[in-house]
Every structure is written in C-alpha cells, then in structure tokens.
PDB file of N, CA and C in Angstrom:
ATOM      1  N   MET A   1     255.253 134.896 136.619  1.00  0.00           N
ATOM      2  CA  MET A   1     254.853 134.837 135.334  1.00  0.00           C
ATOM      3  C   MET A   1     254.653 133.547 134.527  1.00  0.00           C
ATOM      4  N   GLU A   2     253.299 133.281 134.085  1.00  0.00           N
ATOM      5  CA  GLU A   2     252.813 132.047 133.860  1.00  0.00           C
ATOM      6  C   GLU A   2     252.980 131.916 132.359  1.00  0.00           C
ATOM      7  N   VAL A   3     253.160 130.711 131.826  1.00  0.00           N
ATOM      8  CA  VAL A   3     253.489 130.305 130.517  1.00  0.00           C
ATOM      9  C   VAL A   3     252.077 130.673 129.533  1.00  0.00           C
ATOM     10  N   ASP A   4     251.064 130.394 130.161  1.00  0.00           N
ATOM     11  CA  ASP A   4     249.926 130.729 129.421  1.00  0.00           C
ATOM     12  C   ASP A   4     249.640 132.371 129.186  1.00  0.00           C
ATOM     13  N   GLU A   5     250.089 133.053 130.188  1.00  0.00           N
ATOM     14  CA  GLU A   5     250.115 134.518 129.855  1.00  0.00           C
ATOM     15  C   GLU A   5     250.984 134.993 128.808  1.00  0.00           C
ATOM     16  N   LEU A   6     252.278 134.329 128.798  1.00  0.00           N
ATOM     17  CA  LEU A   6     253.217 134.587 127.868  1.00  0.00           C
ATOM     18  C   LEU A   6     252.676 134.244 126.242  1.00  0.00           C
ATOM     19  N   ARG A   7     251.933 133.029 126.288  1.00  0.00           N
ATOM     20  CA  ARG A   7     251.744 132.696 124.900  1.00  0.00           C
ATOM     21  C   ARG A   7     250.638 133.598 124.327  1.00  0.00           C
ATOM     22  N   LYS A   8     249.926 134.319 125.055  1.00  0.00           N
ATOM     23  CA  LYS A   8     248.811 135.180 124.581  1.00  0.00           C
ATOM     24  C   LYS A   8     249.558 136.492 124.018  1.00  0.00           C
ATOM     25  N   LYS A   9     250.810 136.733 124.589  1.00  0.00           N
ATOM     26  CA  LYS A   9     251.506 138.036 124.109  1.00  0.00           C
ATOM     27  C   LYS A   9     252.005 137.967 122.635  1.00  0.00           C
ATOM     28  N   THR A  10     252.279 139.111 122.021  1.00  0.00           N
ATOM     29  CA  THR A  10     252.802 139.226 120.738  1.00  0.00           C
ATOM     30  C   THR A  10     254.234 139.073 120.764  1.00  0.00           C
ATOM     31  N   SER A  11     254.929 139.118 119.604  1.00  0.00           N
ATOM     32  CA  SER A  11     256.367 138.829 119.602  1.00  0.00           C
ATOM     33  C   SER A  11     256.949 140.111 120.182  1.00  0.00           C
ATOM     34  N   ASP A  12     256.313 141.260 119.846  1.00  0.00           N
ATOM     35  CA  ASP A  12     257.056 142.450 120.337  1.00  0.00           C
ATOM     36  C   ASP A  12     256.875 142.585 121.841  1.00  0.00           C
ATOM     37  N   GLU A  13     255.762 142.275 122.382  1.00  0.00           N
ATOM     38  CA  GLU A  13     255.497 142.226 123.813  1.00  0.00           C
ATOM     39  C   GLU A  13     256.425 141.394 124.505  1.00  0.00           C
ATOM     40  N   LEU A  14     256.729 140.320 123.921  1.00  0.00           N
ATOM     41  CA  LEU A  14     257.707 139.092 124.413  1.00  0.00           C
ATOM     42  C   LEU A  14     259.291 139.668 124.592  1.00  0.00           C
ATOM     43  N   LEU A  15     259.465 140.412 123.352  1.00  0.00           N
ATOM     44  CA  LEU A  15     260.736 141.071 123.444  1.00  0.00           C
ATOM     45  C   LEU A  15     260.870 142.056 124.629  1.00  0.00           C
ATOM     46  N   GLU A  16     259.931 142.764 124.768  1.00  0.00           N
ATOM     47  CA  GLU A  16     260.045 143.899 125.818  1.00  0.00           C
ATOM     48  C   GLU A  16     259.957 143.134 127.152  1.00  0.00           C
ATOM     49  N   ALA A  17     259.230 142.257 127.303  1.00  0.00           N
ATOM     50  CA  ALA A  17     259.124 141.294 128.605  1.00  0.00           C
ATOM     51  C   ALA A  17     260.597 140.826 128.806  1.00  0.00           C
ATOM     52  N   LEU A  18     261.393 140.373 127.845  1.00  0.00           N
ATOM     53  CA  LEU A  18     262.589 139.769 127.935  1.00  0.00           C
ATOM     54  C   LEU A  18     263.610 140.841 128.353  1.00  0.00           C
ATOM     55  N   SER A  19     263.474 141.844 127.702  1.00  0.00           N
ATOM     56  CA  SER A  19     264.396 142.937 128.103  1.00  0.00           C
ATOM     57  C   SER A  19     264.338 143.445 129.482  1.00  0.00           C
ATOM     58  N   ILE A  20     263.107 143.695 130.010  1.00  0.00           N
ATOM     59  CA  ILE A  20     262.770 144.026 131.344  1.00  0.00           C
ATOM     60  C   ILE A  20     263.258 142.979 132.290  1.00  0.00           C
ATOM     61  N   GLU A  21     263.044 141.614 132.031  1.00  0.00           N
ATOM     62  CA  GLU A  21     263.464 140.703 132.837  1.00  0.00           C
ATOM     63  C   GLU A  21     265.004 140.649 132.929  1.00  0.00           C
ATOM     64  N   LEU A  22     265.644 140.724 131.822  1.00  0.00           N
ATOM     65  CA  LEU A  22     267.135 140.733 131.789  1.00  0.00           C
ATOM     66  C   LEU A  22     267.637 141.957 132.699  1.00  0.00           C
ATOM     67  N   LYS A  23     267.148 143.115 132.569  1.00  0.00           N
ATOM     68  CA  LYS A  23     267.474 144.079 133.265  1.00  0.00           C
ATOM     69  C   LYS A  23     267.413 143.936 134.753  1.00  0.00           C
ATOM     70  N   GLU A  24     266.178 143.428 135.235  1.00  0.00           N
ATOM     71  CA  GLU A  24     266.014 143.073 136.568  1.00  0.00           C
ATOM     72  C   GLU A  24     266.917 141.969 137.056  1.00  0.00           C
ATOM     73  N   GLN A  25     267.237 141.139 136.179  1.00  0.00           N
ATOM     74  CA  GLN A  25     268.406 139.954 136.524  1.00  0.00           C
ATOM     75  C   GLN A  25     269.644 140.666 137.011  1.00  0.00           C
ATOM     76  N   PHE A  26     270.082 141.509 136.156  1.00  0.00           N
ATOM     77  CA  PHE A  26     271.128 142.146 136.248  1.00  0.00           C
ATOM     78  C   PHE A  26     271.302 143.070 137.378  1.00  0.00           C
ATOM     79  N   LYS A  27     270.237 143.769 137.890  1.00  0.00           N
ATOM     80  CA  LYS A  27     270.061 144.420 139.040  1.00  0.00           C
ATOM     81  C   LYS A  27     270.386 143.564 140.276  1.00  0.00           C
ATOM     82  N   LEU A  28     269.693 142.485 140.309  1.00  0.00           N
ATOM     83  CA  LEU A  28     269.709 141.474 141.277  1.00  0.00           C
ATOM     84  C   LEU A  28     271.060 141.020 141.536  1.00  0.00           C
ATOM     85  N   ARG A  29     271.712 140.680 140.289  1.00  0.00           N
ATOM     86  CA  ARG A  29     273.222 140.187 140.551  1.00  0.00           C
ATOM     87  C   ARG A  29     274.015 141.150 141.181  1.00  0.00           C
ATOM     88  N   ILE A  30     273.942 142.578 140.641  1.00  0.00           N
ATOM     89  CA  ILE A  30     274.794 143.626 141.197  1.00  0.00           C
ATOM     90  C   ILE A  30     274.499 143.722 142.726  1.00  0.00           C
ATOM     91  N   GLN A  31     273.277 143.824 143.143  1.00  0.00           N
ATOM     92  CA  GLN A  31     272.933 143.864 144.435  1.00  0.00           C
ATOM     93  C   GLN A  31     273.511 142.776 145.291  1.00  0.00           C
ATOM     94  N   LYS A  32     273.462 141.508 144.835  1.00  0.00           N
ATOM     95  CA  LYS A  32     273.960 140.381 145.396  1.00  0.00           C
ATOM     96  C   LYS A  32     275.441 140.505 145.726  1.00  0.00           C
ATOM     97  N   SER A  33     276.222 140.781 144.538  1.00  0.00           N
ATOM     98  CA  SER A  33     277.564 141.044 144.610  1.00  0.00           C
ATOM     99  C   SER A  33     278.061 142.163 145.610  1.00  0.00           C
ATOM    100  N   SER A  34     277.371 143.072 145.772  1.00  0.00           N
ATOM    101  CA  SER A  34     277.592 144.255 146.729  1.00  0.00           C
ATOM    102  C   SER A  34     277.414 143.882 148.251  1.00  0.00           C
ATOM    103  N   GLY A  35     276.661 142.762 148.247  1.00  0.00           N
ATOM    104  CA  GLY A  35     276.387 142.217 149.699  1.00  0.00           C
ATOM    105  C   GLY A  35     275.112 142.945 150.275  1.00  0.00           C
ATOM    106  N   GLU A  36     274.187 143.510 149.713  1.00  0.00           N
ATOM    107  CA  GLU A  36     273.316 144.178 150.315  1.00  0.00           C
ATOM    108  C   GLU A  36     271.925 143.390 149.905  1.00  0.00           C
ATOM    109  N   PHE A  37     271.889 142.214 149.555  1.00  0.00           N
ATOM    110  CA  PHE A  37     270.887 141.451 148.994  1.00  0.00           C
ATOM    111  C   PHE A  37     270.729 140.124 149.648  1.00  0.00           C
ATOM    112  N   ASN A  38     269.656 139.903 150.329  1.00  0.00           N
ATOM    113  CA  ASN A  38     269.468 138.749 151.057  1.00  0.00           C
ATOM    114  C   ASN A  38     268.521 137.779 150.525  1.00  0.00           C
ATOM    115  N   GLN A  39     267.729 138.179 149.550  1.00  0.00           N
ATOM    116  CA  GLN A  39     266.689 137.311 148.826  1.00  0.00           C
ATOM    117  C   GLN A  39     267.112 136.714 147.652  1.00  0.00           C
ATOM    118  N   THR A  40     268.024 135.834 147.822  1.00  0.00           N
ATOM    119  CA  THR A  40     268.851 135.184 146.442  1.00  0.00           C
ATOM    120  C   THR A  40     267.788 134.310 145.838  1.00  0.00           C
ATOM    121  N   HIS A  41     266.580 133.972 146.324  1.00  0.00           N
ATOM    122  CA  HIS A  41     265.598 133.248 145.578  1.00  0.00           C
ATOM    123  C   HIS A  41     265.295 133.888 144.328  1.00  0.00           C
ATOM    124  N   LEU A  42     265.223 135.326 144.404  1.00  0.00           N
ATOM    125  CA  LEU A  42     264.617 136.147 143.359  1.00  0.00           C
ATOM    126  C   LEU A  42     265.474 135.934 142.260  1.00  0.00           C
ATOM    127  N   ILE A  43     266.704 135.722 142.219  1.00  0.00           N
ATOM    128  CA  ILE A  43     267.563 135.638 141.069  1.00  0.00           C
ATOM    129  C   ILE A  43     267.201 134.255 140.397  1.00  0.00           C
ATOM    130  N   LYS A  44     266.996 133.247 141.106  1.00  0.00           N
ATOM    131  CA  LYS A  44     266.470 131.997 140.395  1.00  0.00           C
ATOM    132  C   LYS A  44     265.144 132.177 139.826  1.00  0.00           C
ATOM    133  N   LEU A  45     264.324 132.876 140.331  1.00  0.00           N
ATOM    134  CA  LEU A  45     262.920 133.160 139.635  1.00  0.00           C
ATOM    135  C   LEU A  45     263.210 133.958 138.499  1.00  0.00           C
ATOM    136  N   SER A  46     264.051 135.003 138.597  1.00  0.00           N
ATOM    137  CA  SER A  46     264.241 135.720 137.299  1.00  0.00           C
ATOM    138  C   SER A  46     264.868 134.943 136.168  1.00  0.00           C
ATOM    139  N   ARG A  47     265.829 134.152 136.423  1.00  0.00           N
ATOM    140  CA  ARG A  47     266.426 133.152 135.405  1.00  0.00           C
ATOM    141  C   ARG A  47     265.485 132.223 134.864  1.00  0.00           C
ATOM    142  N   ARG A  48     264.502 131.850 135.606  1.00  0.00           N
ATOM    143  CA  ARG A  48     263.425 130.831 135.074  1.00  0.00           C
ATOM    144  C   ARG A  48     262.416 131.657 134.223  1.00  0.00           C
ATOM    145  N   ASN A  49     262.135 132.905 134.639  1.00  0.00           N
ATOM    146  CA  ASN A  49     261.334 133.652 133.834  1.00  0.00           C
ATOM    147  C   ASN A  49     261.940 134.006 132.363  1.00  0.00           C
ATOM    148  N   VAL A  50     263.181 134.222 132.456  1.00  0.00           N
ATOM    149  CA  VAL A  50     263.841 134.345 131.214  1.00  0.00           C
ATOM    150  C   VAL A  50     263.803 133.139 130.318  1.00  0.00           C
ATOM    151  N   ALA A  51     263.919 132.069 130.946  1.00  0.00           N
ATOM    152  CA  ALA A  51     263.924 130.801 130.166  1.00  0.00           C
ATOM    153  C   ALA A  51     262.468 130.513 129.593  1.00  0.00           C
ATOM    154  N   LYS A  52     261.447 130.831 130.420  1.00  0.00           N
ATOM    155  CA  LYS A  52     260.168 130.787 129.949  1.00  0.00           C
ATOM    156  C   LYS A  52     259.861 131.755 128.634  1.00  0.00           C
ATOM    157  N   ILE A  53     260.237 132.920 128.767  1.00  0.00           N
ATOM    158  CA  ILE A  53     260.097 133.941 127.774  1.00  0.00           C
ATOM    159  C   ILE A  53     260.886 133.350 126.535  1.00  0.00           C
ATOM    160  N   LYS A  54     261.994 132.957 126.616  1.00  0.00           N
ATOM    161  CA  LYS A  54     262.729 132.363 125.418  1.00  0.00           C
ATOM    162  C   LYS A  54     262.075 131.172 124.800  1.00  0.00           C
ATOM    163  N   THR A  55     261.526 130.352 125.646  1.00  0.00           N
ATOM    164  CA  THR A  55     260.937 129.157 125.237  1.00  0.00           C
ATOM    165  C   THR A  55     259.700 129.556 124.399  1.00  0.00           C
ATOM    166  N   VAL A  56     258.857 130.387 124.940  1.00  0.00           N
ATOM    167  CA  VAL A  56     257.602 130.762 124.259  1.00  0.00           C
ATOM    168  C   VAL A  56     258.138 131.557 122.864  1.00  0.00           C
ATOM    169  N   MET A  57     259.086 132.278 122.798  1.00  0.00           N
ATOM    170  CA  MET A  57     259.575 132.976 121.675  1.00  0.00           C
ATOM    171  C   MET A  57     259.996 131.916 120.589  1.00  0.00           C
ATOM    172  N   THR A  58     260.648 130.791 120.934  1.00  0.00           N
ATOM    173  CA  THR A  58     261.018 129.805 120.104  1.00  0.00           C
ATOM    174  C   THR A  58     259.720 128.989 119.440  1.00  0.00           C
ATOM    175  N   GLU A  59     258.861 128.801 120.464  1.00  0.00           N
ATOM    176  CA  GLU A  59     257.546 128.082 120.001  1.00  0.00           C
ATOM    177  C   GLU A  59     256.864 128.918 118.972  1.00  0.00           C
ATOM    178  N   LYS A  60     256.844 130.269 119.112  1.00  0.00           N
ATOM    179  CA  LYS A  60     256.257 131.041 118.033  1.00  0.00           C
ATOM    180  C   LYS A  60     256.837 131.144 116.768  1.00  0.00           C
ATOM    181  N   ALA A  61     258.196 131.036 117.010  1.00  0.00           N
ATOM    182  CA  ALA A  61     259.049 131.217 115.614  1.00  0.00           C
ATOM    183  C   ALA A  61     259.190 129.908 114.884  1.00  0.00           C
ATOM    184  N   GLY A  62     259.171 128.919 115.586  1.00  0.00           N
ATOM    185  CA  GLY A  62     259.143 127.524 115.054  1.00  0.00           C
ATOM    186  C   GLY A  62     257.961 126.789 114.601  1.00  0.00           C
ATOM    187  N   GLY A  63     256.841 127.242 115.331  1.00  0.00           N
ATOM    188  CA  GLY A  63     255.556 126.706 114.951  1.00  0.00           C
ATOM    189  C   GLY A  63     254.975 125.891 115.915  1.00  0.00           C
TER     190      GLY A  63
END
C-alpha cells in the first residue's frame, strides 16, 4: 500500500482500510501464536500499513 494511493482516498475509505488492515493483523498474530505461520514478515508489513493509514488520516485532519 503506497502513501500516494492513501492520500487520494476519502476519510471514510481510510477508516475502512484501517479496519480491514487491523483485522488482517489480528489474524496474522493468531496464526503466529498457534504455530502455523511461517511468513512473519507479513506482520511487519501489516503494522507499517496501519501506521501509513493513521499518518494520512492525521494529515487530513490537521491540514
């Protein structure tokens, strides 16, 4: 997910994207804890995507 793509989205679309990403992050953490998950780099990517979305949301809110 690129920041340029996120900046083009509306606030509602950003909230939806954040919700989806947080759900995905939760699924990945559960899979990791159960031992059936070997691609731990996806957790890092998910965490960074959440941070990107929140940053863009803050930019839109603050100006």
